[in-house]
Amino acid sequence: MSFVTLFAIAASHWNLKSDLASLGFAWSWLENQIAAATKWFPWANSSTRVVR
């Protein structure tokens, strides 16, 4: 099963409104894309770290 399918099953189980479930899925997807991009580009990865 894909993540989309499992997300839909969970949203249905918890009786979430479709607009809120879609927003939650979009947020999750976007957050994962940003995390992947941060790891992919060396300059982005180093700029997100705080050196103390």
Foldseek 3Di string as FASTA:
>chain_A
DDPVVVLVVVCVVVVHDPVVSVVVVVVVVVVVVVVVVCVPDPVSVVVVDDDD
